[in-house]
Amino acid sequence: MGSADEAKGRVKEALGDLTDNDKLRQKGGIDRAKGQVKDVVDKAADRAAGKD
């Protein structure tokens, strides 16, 4: 689930770099961070549920 946000963020960052758009680049970084947090939370929930 978080990997989709990370991919979306990478695309936004790349487009921001290509177009020299700082806001788009920043939004991409935020999306990537959200994806990473979701992955961590999902892994923690799986461990808590005993689904190593």
PDB file of N, CA and C in Angstrom:
ATOM      1  N   MET A   1       0.828  -1.188   0.000  1.00  0.00           N
ATOM      2  CA  MET A   1       0.000   0.000   0.000  1.00  0.00           C
ATOM      3  C   MET A   1       0.871   1.249   0.000  1.00  0.00           C
ATOM      4  N   GLY A   2       1.877   1.267   0.829  1.00  0.00           N
ATOM      5  CA  GLY A   2       2.769   2.420   0.897  1.00  0.00           C
ATOM      6  C   GLY A   2       3.654   2.558  -0.322  1.00  0.00           C
ATOM      7  N   SER A   3       3.897   1.438  -1.000  1.00  0.00           N
ATOM      8  CA  SER A   3       4.769   1.495  -2.171  1.00  0.00           C
ATOM      9  C   SER A   3       4.143   2.307  -3.302  1.00  0.00           C
ATOM     10  N   ALA A   4       2.817   2.348  -3.373  1.00  0.00           N
ATOM     11  CA  ALA A   4       2.155   3.168  -4.392  1.00  0.00           C
ATOM     12  C   ALA A   4       2.406   4.649  -4.118  1.00  0.00           C
ATOM     13  N   ASP A   5       2.336   5.039  -2.853  1.00  0.00           N
ATOM     14  CA  ASP A   5       2.619   6.434  -2.496  1.00  0.00           C
ATOM     15  C   ASP A   5       4.078   6.777  -2.778  1.00  0.00           C
ATOM     16  N   GLU A   6       4.954   5.831  -2.499  1.00  0.00           N
ATOM     17  CA  GLU A   6       6.374   6.077  -2.765  1.00  0.00           C
ATOM     18  C   GLU A   6       6.617   6.265  -4.263  1.00  0.00           C
ATOM     19  N   ALA A   7       5.997   5.429  -5.078  1.00  0.00           N
ATOM     20  CA  ALA A   7       6.157   5.542  -6.527  1.00  0.00           C
ATOM     21  C   ALA A   7       5.592   6.869  -7.030  1.00  0.00           C
ATOM     22  N   LYS A   8       4.428   7.232  -6.525  1.00  0.00           N
ATOM     23  CA  LYS A   8       3.804   8.498  -6.917  1.00  0.00           C
ATOM     24  C   LYS A   8       4.720   9.664  -6.528  1.00  0.00           C
ATOM     25  N   GLY A   9       5.309   9.565  -5.349  1.00  0.00           N
ATOM     26  CA  GLY A   9       6.217  10.612  -4.896  1.00  0.00           C
ATOM     27  C   GLY A   9       7.455  10.723  -5.756  1.00  0.00           C
ATOM     28  N   ARG A  10       7.985   9.583  -6.164  1.00  0.00           N
ATOM     29  CA  ARG A  10       9.174   9.601  -7.034  1.00  0.00           C
ATOM     30  C   ARG A  10       8.858  10.264  -8.369  1.00  0.00           C
ATOM     31  N   VAL A  11       7.677   9.977  -8.897  1.00  0.00           N
ATOM     32  CA  VAL A  11       7.280  10.587 -10.169  1.00  0.00           C
ATOM     33  C   VAL A  11       7.143  12.094 -10.005  1.00  0.00           C
ATOM     34  N   LYS A  12       6.498  12.521  -8.927  1.00  0.00           N
ATOM     35  CA  LYS A  12       6.335  13.960  -8.689  1.00  0.00           C
ATOM     36  C   LYS A  12       7.681  14.641  -8.521  1.00  0.00           C
ATOM     37  N   GLU A  13       8.589  13.988  -7.794  1.00  0.00           N
ATOM     38  CA  GLU A  13       9.919  14.575  -7.612  1.00  0.00           C
ATOM     39  C   GLU A  13      10.642  14.704  -8.942  1.00  0.00           C
ATOM     40  N   ALA A  14      10.549  13.677  -9.765  1.00  0.00           N
ATOM     41  CA  ALA A  14      11.219  13.708 -11.069  1.00  0.00           C
ATOM     42  C   ALA A  14      10.628  14.801 -11.956  1.00  0.00           C
ATOM     43  N   LEU A  15       9.307  14.913 -11.962  1.00  0.00           N
ATOM     44  CA  LEU A  15       8.678  15.969 -12.759  1.00  0.00           C
ATOM     45  C   LEU A  15       9.052  17.345 -12.229  1.00  0.00           C
ATOM     46  N   GLY A  16       9.136  17.462 -10.911  1.00  0.00           N
ATOM     47  CA  GLY A  16       9.565  18.732 -10.319  1.00  0.00           C
ATOM     48  C   GLY A  16      10.975  19.098 -10.724  1.00  0.00           C
ATOM     49  N   ASP A  17      11.846  18.084 -10.788  1.00  0.00           N
ATOM     50  CA  ASP A  17      13.224  18.336 -11.234  1.00  0.00           C
ATOM     51  C   ASP A  17      13.251  18.765 -12.700  1.00  0.00           C
ATOM     52  N   LEU A  18      12.474  18.069 -13.528  1.00  0.00           N
ATOM     53  CA  LEU A  18      12.473  18.376 -14.960  1.00  0.00           C
ATOM     54  C   LEU A  18      11.917  19.759 -15.263  1.00  0.00           C
ATOM     55  N   THR A  19      10.895  20.144 -14.507  1.00  0.00           N
ATOM     56  CA  THR A  19      10.234  21.428 -14.763  1.00  0.00           C
ATOM     57  C   THR A  19      10.737  22.533 -13.845  1.00  0.00           C
ATOM     58  N   ASP A  20      11.675  22.216 -12.981  1.00  0.00           N
ATOM     59  CA  ASP A  20      12.220  23.166 -12.005  1.00  0.00           C
ATOM     60  C   ASP A  20      11.104  23.736 -11.126  1.00  0.00           C
ATOM     61  N   ASN A  21      10.196  22.840 -10.704  1.00  0.00           N
ATOM     62  CA  ASN A  21       9.045  23.211  -9.889  1.00  0.00           C
ATOM     63  C   ASN A  21       9.297  22.722  -8.458  1.00  0.00           C
ATOM     64  N   ASP A  22       9.640  23.657  -7.589  1.00  0.00           N
ATOM     65  CA  ASP A  22       9.977  23.306  -6.210  1.00  0.00           C
ATOM     66  C   ASP A  22       8.792  22.737  -5.443  1.00  0.00           C
ATOM     67  N   LYS A  23       7.592  23.271  -5.687  1.00  0.00           N
ATOM     68  CA  LYS A  23       6.405  22.770  -4.977  1.00  0.00           C
ATOM     69  C   LYS A  23       6.115  21.322  -5.338  1.00  0.00           C
ATOM     70  N   LEU A  24       6.217  20.991  -6.608  1.00  0.00           N
ATOM     71  CA  LEU A  24       5.968  19.621  -7.045  1.00  0.00           C
ATOM     72  C   LEU A  24       7.017  18.675  -6.471  1.00  0.00           C
ATOM     73  N   ARG A  25       8.247  19.124  -6.460  1.00  0.00           N
ATOM     74  CA  ARG A  25       9.332  18.338  -5.883  1.00  0.00           C
ATOM     75  C   ARG A  25       9.073  18.094  -4.394  1.00  0.00           C
ATOM     76  N   GLN A  26       8.619  19.115  -3.704  1.00  0.00           N
ATOM     77  CA  GLN A  26       8.332  19.009  -2.267  1.00  0.00           C
ATOM     78  C   GLN A  26       7.162  18.062  -2.018  1.00  0.00           C
ATOM     79  N   LYS A  27       6.113  18.172  -2.809  1.00  0.00           N
ATOM     80  CA  LYS A  27       4.958  17.282  -2.664  1.00  0.00           C
ATOM     81  C   LYS A  27       5.372  15.828  -2.906  1.00  0.00           C
ATOM     82  N   GLY A  28       6.280  15.625  -3.837  1.00  0.00           N
ATOM     83  CA  GLY A  28       6.783  14.282  -4.097  1.00  0.00           C
ATOM     84  C   GLY A  28       7.511  13.720  -2.885  1.00  0.00           C
ATOM     85  N   GLY A  29       8.288  14.539  -2.233  1.00  0.00           N
ATOM     86  CA  GLY A  29       8.988  14.103  -1.024  1.00  0.00           C
ATOM     87  C   GLY A  29       8.017  13.742   0.085  1.00  0.00           C
ATOM     88  N   ILE A  30       6.955  14.511   0.193  1.00  0.00           N
ATOM     89  CA  ILE A  30       5.933  14.226   1.211  1.00  0.00           C
ATOM     90  C   ILE A  30       5.241  12.904   0.902  1.00  0.00           C
ATOM     91  N   ASP A  31       4.897  12.680  -0.357  1.00  0.00           N
ATOM     92  CA  ASP A  31       4.253  11.416  -0.748  1.00  0.00           C
ATOM     93  C   ASP A  31       5.162  10.220  -0.457  1.00  0.00           C
ATOM     94  N   ARG A  32       6.438  10.374  -0.758  1.00  0.00           N
ATOM     95  CA  ARG A  32       7.381   9.284  -0.481  1.00  0.00           C
ATOM     96  C   ARG A  32       7.448   8.987   1.007  1.00  0.00           C
ATOM     97  N   ALA A  33       7.493  10.033   1.818  1.00  0.00           N
ATOM     98  CA  ALA A  33       7.552   9.854   3.269  1.00  0.00           C
ATOM     99  C   ALA A  33       6.283   9.180   3.779  1.00  0.00           C
ATOM    100  N   LYS A  34       5.122   9.584   3.255  1.00  0.00           N
ATOM    101  CA  LYS A  34       3.858   8.951   3.660  1.00  0.00           C
ATOM    102  C   LYS A  34       3.879   7.466   3.321  1.00  0.00           C
ATOM    103  N   GLY A  35       4.407   7.132   2.160  1.00  0.00           N
ATOM    104  CA  GLY A  35       4.490   5.729   1.762  1.00  0.00           C
ATOM    105  C   GLY A  35       5.387   4.937   2.690  1.00  0.00           C
ATOM    106  N   GLN A  36       6.495   5.514   3.087  1.00  0.00           N
ATOM    107  CA  GLN A  36       7.414   4.829   3.987  1.00  0.00           C
ATOM    108  C   GLN A  36       6.776   4.623   5.350  1.00  0.00           C
ATOM    109  N   VAL A  37       6.052   5.616   5.833  1.00  0.00           N
ATOM    110  CA  VAL A  37       5.373   5.492   7.125  1.00  0.00           C
ATOM    111  C   VAL A  37       4.310   4.405   7.056  1.00  0.00           C
ATOM    112  N   LYS A  38       3.553   4.375   5.967  1.00  0.00           N
ATOM    113  CA  LYS A  38       2.527   3.341   5.816  1.00  0.00           C
ATOM    114  C   LYS A  38       3.146   1.945   5.840  1.00  0.00           C
ATOM    115  N   ASP A  39       4.290   1.781   5.182  1.00  0.00           N
ATOM    116  CA  ASP A  39       4.965   0.481   5.183  1.00  0.00           C
ATOM    117  C   ASP A  39       5.368   0.069   6.588  1.00  0.00           C
ATOM    118  N   VAL A  40       5.914   1.008   7.349  1.00  0.00           N
ATOM    119  CA  VAL A  40       6.346   0.718   8.719  1.00  0.00           C
ATOM    120  C   VAL A  40       5.147   0.338   9.589  1.00  0.00           C
ATOM    121  N   VAL A  41       4.064   1.089   9.454  1.00  0.00           N
ATOM    122  CA  VAL A  41       2.865   0.813  10.250  1.00  0.00           C
ATOM    123  C   VAL A  41       2.281  -0.546   9.876  1.00  0.00           C
ATOM    124  N   ASP A  42       2.232  -0.849   8.590  1.00  0.00           N
ATOM    125  CA  ASP A  42       1.714  -2.144   8.142  1.00  0.00           C
ATOM    126  C   ASP A  42       2.557  -3.301   8.683  1.00  0.00           C
ATOM    127  N   LYS A  43       3.876  -3.138   8.650  1.00  0.00           N
ATOM    128  CA  LYS A  43       4.748  -4.188   9.173  1.00  0.00           C
ATOM    129  C   LYS A  43       4.548  -4.371  10.677  1.00  0.00           C
ATOM    130  N   ALA A  44       4.407  -3.266  11.402  1.00  0.00           N
ATOM    131  CA  ALA A  44       4.193  -3.334  12.840  1.00  0.00           C
ATOM    132  C   ALA A  44       2.856  -4.009  13.147  1.00  0.00           C
ATOM    133  N   ALA A  45       1.836  -3.699  12.366  1.00  0.00           N
ATOM    134  CA  ALA A  45       0.513  -4.318  12.574  1.00  0.00           C
ATOM    135  C   ALA A  45       0.583  -5.820  12.295  1.00  0.00           C
ATOM    136  N   ASP A  46       1.320  -6.192  11.251  1.00  0.00           N
ATOM    137  CA  ASP A  46       1.462  -7.628  10.947  1.00  0.00           C
ATOM    138  C   ASP A  46       2.193  -8.351  12.073  1.00  0.00           C
ATOM    139  N   ARG A  47       3.243  -7.743  12.606  1.00  0.00           N
ATOM    140  CA  ARG A  47       3.975  -8.358  13.715  1.00  0.00           C
ATOM    141  C   ARG A  47       3.088  -8.503  14.940  1.00  0.00           C
ATOM    142  N   ALA A  48       2.291  -7.476  15.217  1.00  0.00           N
ATOM    143  CA  ALA A  48       1.407  -7.502  16.381  1.00  0.00           C
ATOM    144  C   ALA A  48       0.346  -8.582  16.221  1.00  0.00           C
ATOM    145  N   ALA A  49      -0.058  -8.837  14.992  1.00  0.00           N
ATOM    146  CA  ALA A  49      -1.074  -9.854  14.726  1.00  0.00           C
ATOM    147  C   ALA A  49      -0.441 -11.240  14.586  1.00  0.00           C
ATOM    148  N   GLY A  50       0.886 -11.315  14.670  1.00  0.00           N
ATOM    149  CA  GLY A  50       1.577 -12.594  14.554  1.00  0.00           C
ATOM    150  C   GLY A  50       1.752 -13.075  13.127  1.00  0.00           C
ATOM    151  N   LYS A  51       1.765 -12.148  12.170  1.00  0.00           N
ATOM    152  CA  LYS A  51       1.927 -12.513  10.763  1.00  0.00           C
ATOM    153  C   LYS A  51       3.323 -12.182  10.269  1.00  0.00           C
ATOM    154  N   ASP A  52       4.340 -12.591  10.988  1.00  0.00           N
ATOM    155  CA  ASP A  52       5.718 -12.271  10.612  1.00  0.00           C
ATOM    156  C   ASP A  52       5.896 -12.657   9.200  1.00  0.00           C
TER     157      ASP A  52
END
